Amino acid sequence: MIEAEQLPARAGKLGTHLLGRLRALAAQEPMITAVRGEGLLVGIELRESALGTIARLRAAGFLTLPAGRDARVVQLLPPLT
């Protein structure tokens, strides 16, 4: 099913697009210190704890997790489909 629906290729394509958009945002937003990822496994590192940002993203319907030292990374969990 994963290969039949071409999910790895889709994750790569969407991830490239997402990382590009997030890096453009990071260039304008001093709160973001780094954007990194592979495919749709994406993390956004913030200057301070990401817990408040994660709570707001979850309230808006995004699937996110805290990660990294001092929970400063917003880990995005977008769907593959």
N, C-alpha and C. Protein backbone atom coordinates (compact mmCIF):
# COMPACT_ATOMS: atom_id res chain seq x y z
N MET A 1 0.81 -1.19 0.00
CA MET A 1 0.00 0.00 0.00
C MET A 1 0.86 1.26 0.00
N ILE A 2 1.92 1.26 0.79
CA ILE A 2 2.79 2.44 0.85
C ILE A 2 3.39 2.73 -0.52
N GLU A 3 3.93 1.71 -1.15
CA GLU A 3 4.51 1.89 -2.48
C GLU A 3 3.44 2.12 -3.54
N ALA A 4 2.33 1.41 -3.44
CA ALA A 4 1.26 1.55 -4.43
C ALA A 4 0.72 2.97 -4.47
N GLU A 5 0.65 3.61 -3.32
CA GLU A 5 0.16 4.99 -3.26
C GLU A 5 1.29 6.01 -3.40
N GLN A 6 2.50 5.52 -3.63
CA GLN A 6 3.68 6.36 -3.83
C GLN A 6 3.91 7.33 -2.67
N LEU A 7 3.69 6.85 -1.45
CA LEU A 7 3.82 7.71 -0.28
C LEU A 7 5.25 8.21 -0.05
N PRO A 8 6.30 7.39 -0.24
CA PRO A 8 7.65 7.93 -0.06
C PRO A 8 7.97 9.08 -1.03
N ALA A 9 7.58 8.93 -2.28
CA ALA A 9 7.83 9.99 -3.26
C ALA A 9 7.02 11.24 -2.91
N ARG A 10 5.79 11.03 -2.48
CA ARG A 10 4.94 12.16 -2.09
C ARG A 10 5.52 12.88 -0.87
N ALA A 11 5.98 12.12 0.11
CA ALA A 11 6.58 12.72 1.30
C ALA A 11 7.81 13.54 0.93
N GLY A 12 8.61 13.03 0.01
CA GLY A 12 9.79 13.76 -0.43
C GLY A 12 9.43 15.07 -1.11
N LYS A 13 8.47 15.01 -1.99
CA LYS A 13 8.05 16.20 -2.74
C LYS A 13 7.42 17.24 -1.81
N LEU A 14 6.49 16.81 -0.96
CA LEU A 14 5.85 17.73 -0.03
C LEU A 14 6.85 18.27 0.99
N GLY A 15 7.76 17.42 1.43
CA GLY A 15 8.78 17.85 2.39
C GLY A 15 9.69 18.92 1.82
N THR A 16 10.09 18.77 0.57
CA THR A 16 10.93 19.78 -0.07
C THR A 16 10.20 21.12 -0.13
N HIS A 17 8.93 21.07 -0.50
CA HIS A 17 8.12 22.29 -0.55
C HIS A 17 7.96 22.91 0.84
N LEU A 18 7.61 22.09 1.83
CA LEU A 18 7.41 22.57 3.19
C LEU A 18 8.69 23.18 3.76
N LEU A 19 9.82 22.49 3.59
CA LEU A 19 11.09 23.01 4.11
C LEU A 19 11.45 24.34 3.46
N GLY A 20 11.21 24.47 2.18
CA GLY A 20 11.48 25.73 1.50
C GLY A 20 10.65 26.87 2.06
N ARG A 21 9.36 26.62 2.27
CA ARG A 21 8.48 27.65 2.82
C ARG A 21 8.87 28.00 4.26
N LEU A 22 9.20 26.99 5.05
CA LEU A 22 9.57 27.25 6.44
C LEU A 22 10.91 27.99 6.53
N ARG A 23 11.85 27.67 5.65
CA ARG A 23 13.13 28.38 5.66
C ARG A 23 12.95 29.84 5.24
N ALA A 24 12.05 30.10 4.32
CA ALA A 24 11.74 31.49 3.94
C ALA A 24 11.13 32.23 5.13
N LEU A 25 10.24 31.57 5.86
CA LEU A 25 9.65 32.16 7.05
C LEU A 25 10.72 32.43 8.11
N ALA A 26 11.63 31.47 8.30
CA ALA A 26 12.69 31.61 9.29
C ALA A 26 13.59 32.81 8.99
N ALA A 27 13.79 33.11 7.72
CA ALA A 27 14.62 34.25 7.34
C ALA A 27 13.98 35.58 7.77
N GLN A 28 12.68 35.57 7.98
CA GLN A 28 11.96 36.79 8.36
C GLN A 28 11.55 36.80 9.83
N GLU A 29 11.62 35.66 10.49
CA GLU A 29 11.13 35.53 11.86
C GLU A 29 12.29 35.25 12.81
N PRO A 30 12.71 36.24 13.61
CA PRO A 30 13.87 36.04 14.49
C PRO A 30 13.66 34.98 15.58
N MET A 31 12.42 34.63 15.88
CA MET A 31 12.16 33.60 16.89
C MET A 31 12.61 32.21 16.43
N ILE A 32 12.68 31.99 15.11
CA ILE A 32 13.09 30.69 14.56
C ILE A 32 14.60 30.68 14.37
N THR A 33 15.28 29.71 14.99
CA THR A 33 16.74 29.61 14.87
C THR A 33 17.18 28.59 13.83
N ALA A 34 16.33 27.60 13.53
CA ALA A 34 16.72 26.58 12.54
C ALA A 34 15.48 25.84 12.06
N VAL A 35 15.56 25.39 10.83
CA VAL A 35 14.54 24.52 10.24
C VAL A 35 15.30 23.35 9.63
N ARG A 36 14.92 22.15 10.00
CA ARG A 36 15.62 20.99 9.44
C ARG A 36 14.64 19.83 9.28
N GLY A 37 15.02 18.92 8.41
CA GLY A 37 14.17 17.76 8.22
C GLY A 37 14.54 16.98 6.99
N GLU A 38 13.82 15.89 6.82
CA GLU A 38 13.97 14.99 5.69
C GLU A 38 12.59 14.49 5.34
N GLY A 39 12.18 14.71 4.11
CA GLY A 39 10.81 14.35 3.74
C GLY A 39 9.85 15.17 4.57
N LEU A 40 8.88 14.51 5.17
CA LEU A 40 7.93 15.23 6.02
C LEU A 40 8.27 15.15 7.51
N LEU A 41 9.45 14.65 7.84
CA LEU A 41 9.92 14.70 9.22
C LEU A 41 10.61 16.05 9.40
N VAL A 42 9.90 17.02 9.95
CA VAL A 42 10.37 18.40 9.98
C VAL A 42 10.38 18.92 11.41
N GLY A 43 11.44 19.64 11.75
CA GLY A 43 11.55 20.29 13.05
C GLY A 43 11.86 21.76 12.87
N ILE A 44 11.24 22.59 13.70
CA ILE A 44 11.47 24.03 13.70
C ILE A 44 12.01 24.38 15.08
N GLU A 45 13.26 24.80 15.15
CA GLU A 45 13.86 25.16 16.44
C GLU A 45 13.61 26.63 16.73
N LEU A 46 13.17 26.88 17.96
CA LEU A 46 12.86 28.24 18.39
C LEU A 46 13.89 28.73 19.41
N ARG A 47 13.96 30.02 19.61
CA ARG A 47 14.89 30.60 20.59
C ARG A 47 14.51 30.28 22.02
N GLU A 48 13.24 30.00 22.25
CA GLU A 48 12.76 29.68 23.60
C GLU A 48 11.88 28.44 23.53
N SER A 49 11.35 28.04 24.65
CA SER A 49 10.49 26.85 24.70
C SER A 49 9.38 26.93 23.66
N ALA A 50 9.12 25.82 23.01
CA ALA A 50 8.11 25.76 21.96
C ALA A 50 6.74 25.33 22.49
N LEU A 51 6.62 25.12 23.79
CA LEU A 51 5.37 24.56 24.33
C LEU A 51 4.16 25.46 24.07
N GLY A 52 4.32 26.75 24.19
CA GLY A 52 3.20 27.67 23.90
C GLY A 52 2.83 27.64 22.43
N THR A 53 3.83 27.63 21.57
CA THR A 53 3.60 27.57 20.13
C THR A 53 2.90 26.27 19.76
N ILE A 54 3.35 25.18 20.36
CA ILE A 54 2.75 23.87 20.09
C ILE A 54 1.28 23.86 20.53
N ALA A 55 0.99 24.43 21.68
CA ALA A 55 -0.41 24.48 22.15
C ALA A 55 -1.28 25.25 21.17
N ARG A 56 -0.77 26.38 20.64
CA ARG A 56 -1.55 27.16 19.68
C ARG A 56 -1.73 26.40 18.36
N LEU A 57 -0.68 25.71 17.91
CA LEU A 57 -0.78 24.93 16.68
C LEU A 57 -1.78 23.79 16.84
N ARG A 58 -1.74 23.12 17.97
CA ARG A 58 -2.70 22.02 18.22
C ARG A 58 -4.13 22.54 18.26
N ALA A 59 -4.34 23.71 18.88
CA ALA A 59 -5.68 24.30 18.93
C ALA A 59 -6.19 24.63 17.53
N ALA A 60 -5.24 24.89 16.61
CA ALA A 60 -5.61 25.19 15.22
C ALA A 60 -5.74 23.93 14.37
N GLY A 61 -5.50 22.75 14.98
CA GLY A 61 -5.69 21.49 14.26
C GLY A 61 -4.43 20.83 13.73
N PHE A 62 -3.26 21.38 14.05
CA PHE A 62 -2.00 20.78 13.59
C PHE A 62 -1.56 19.68 14.55
N LEU A 63 -0.96 18.63 14.01
CA LEU A 63 -0.36 17.57 14.82
C LEU A 63 1.10 17.94 15.04
N THR A 64 1.47 18.18 16.31
CA THR A 64 2.83 18.59 16.63
C THR A 64 3.27 17.93 17.93
N LEU A 65 4.59 17.87 18.11
CA LEU A 65 5.19 17.37 19.35
C LEU A 65 6.36 18.26 19.73
N PRO A 66 6.65 18.38 21.02
CA PRO A 66 7.87 19.06 21.42
C PRO A 66 9.05 18.11 21.26
N ALA A 67 10.21 18.67 20.97
CA ALA A 67 11.42 17.85 20.83
C ALA A 67 12.62 18.70 21.20
N GLY A 68 13.75 18.05 21.32
CA GLY A 68 15.00 18.75 21.56
C GLY A 68 15.20 19.19 22.99
N ARG A 69 16.37 19.75 23.21
CA ARG A 69 16.74 20.25 24.53
C ARG A 69 15.81 21.40 24.93
N ASP A 70 15.32 21.35 26.13
CA ASP A 70 14.43 22.39 26.66
C ASP A 70 13.15 22.54 25.85
N ALA A 71 12.74 21.51 25.12
CA ALA A 71 11.51 21.52 24.30
C ALA A 71 11.45 22.75 23.41
N ARG A 72 12.57 23.07 22.75
CA ARG A 72 12.63 24.24 21.88
C ARG A 72 12.34 23.92 20.42
N VAL A 73 12.05 22.67 20.13
CA VAL A 73 11.80 22.27 18.74
C VAL A 73 10.34 21.87 18.58
N VAL A 74 9.70 22.43 17.55
CA VAL A 74 8.35 22.03 17.16
C VAL A 74 8.51 20.95 16.10
N GLN A 75 8.10 19.75 16.42
CA GLN A 75 8.15 18.67 15.45
C GLN A 75 6.78 18.58 14.78
N LEU A 76 6.77 18.74 13.45
CA LEU A 76 5.52 18.67 12.70
C LEU A 76 5.21 17.23 12.30
N LEU A 77 3.94 16.88 12.34
CA LEU A 77 3.50 15.52 12.01
C LEU A 77 2.39 15.58 10.95
N PRO A 78 2.74 16.02 9.74
CA PRO A 78 1.71 16.13 8.70
C PRO A 78 1.32 14.75 8.16
N PRO A 79 0.11 14.62 7.66
CA PRO A 79 -0.31 13.33 7.08
C PRO A 79 0.42 13.06 5.77
N LEU A 80 0.59 11.81 5.44
CA LEU A 80 1.24 11.43 4.18
C LEU A 80 0.27 11.45 3.00
N THR A 81 -1.00 11.41 3.28
CA THR A 81 -1.99 11.34 2.19
C THR A 81 -2.64 12.67 1.93
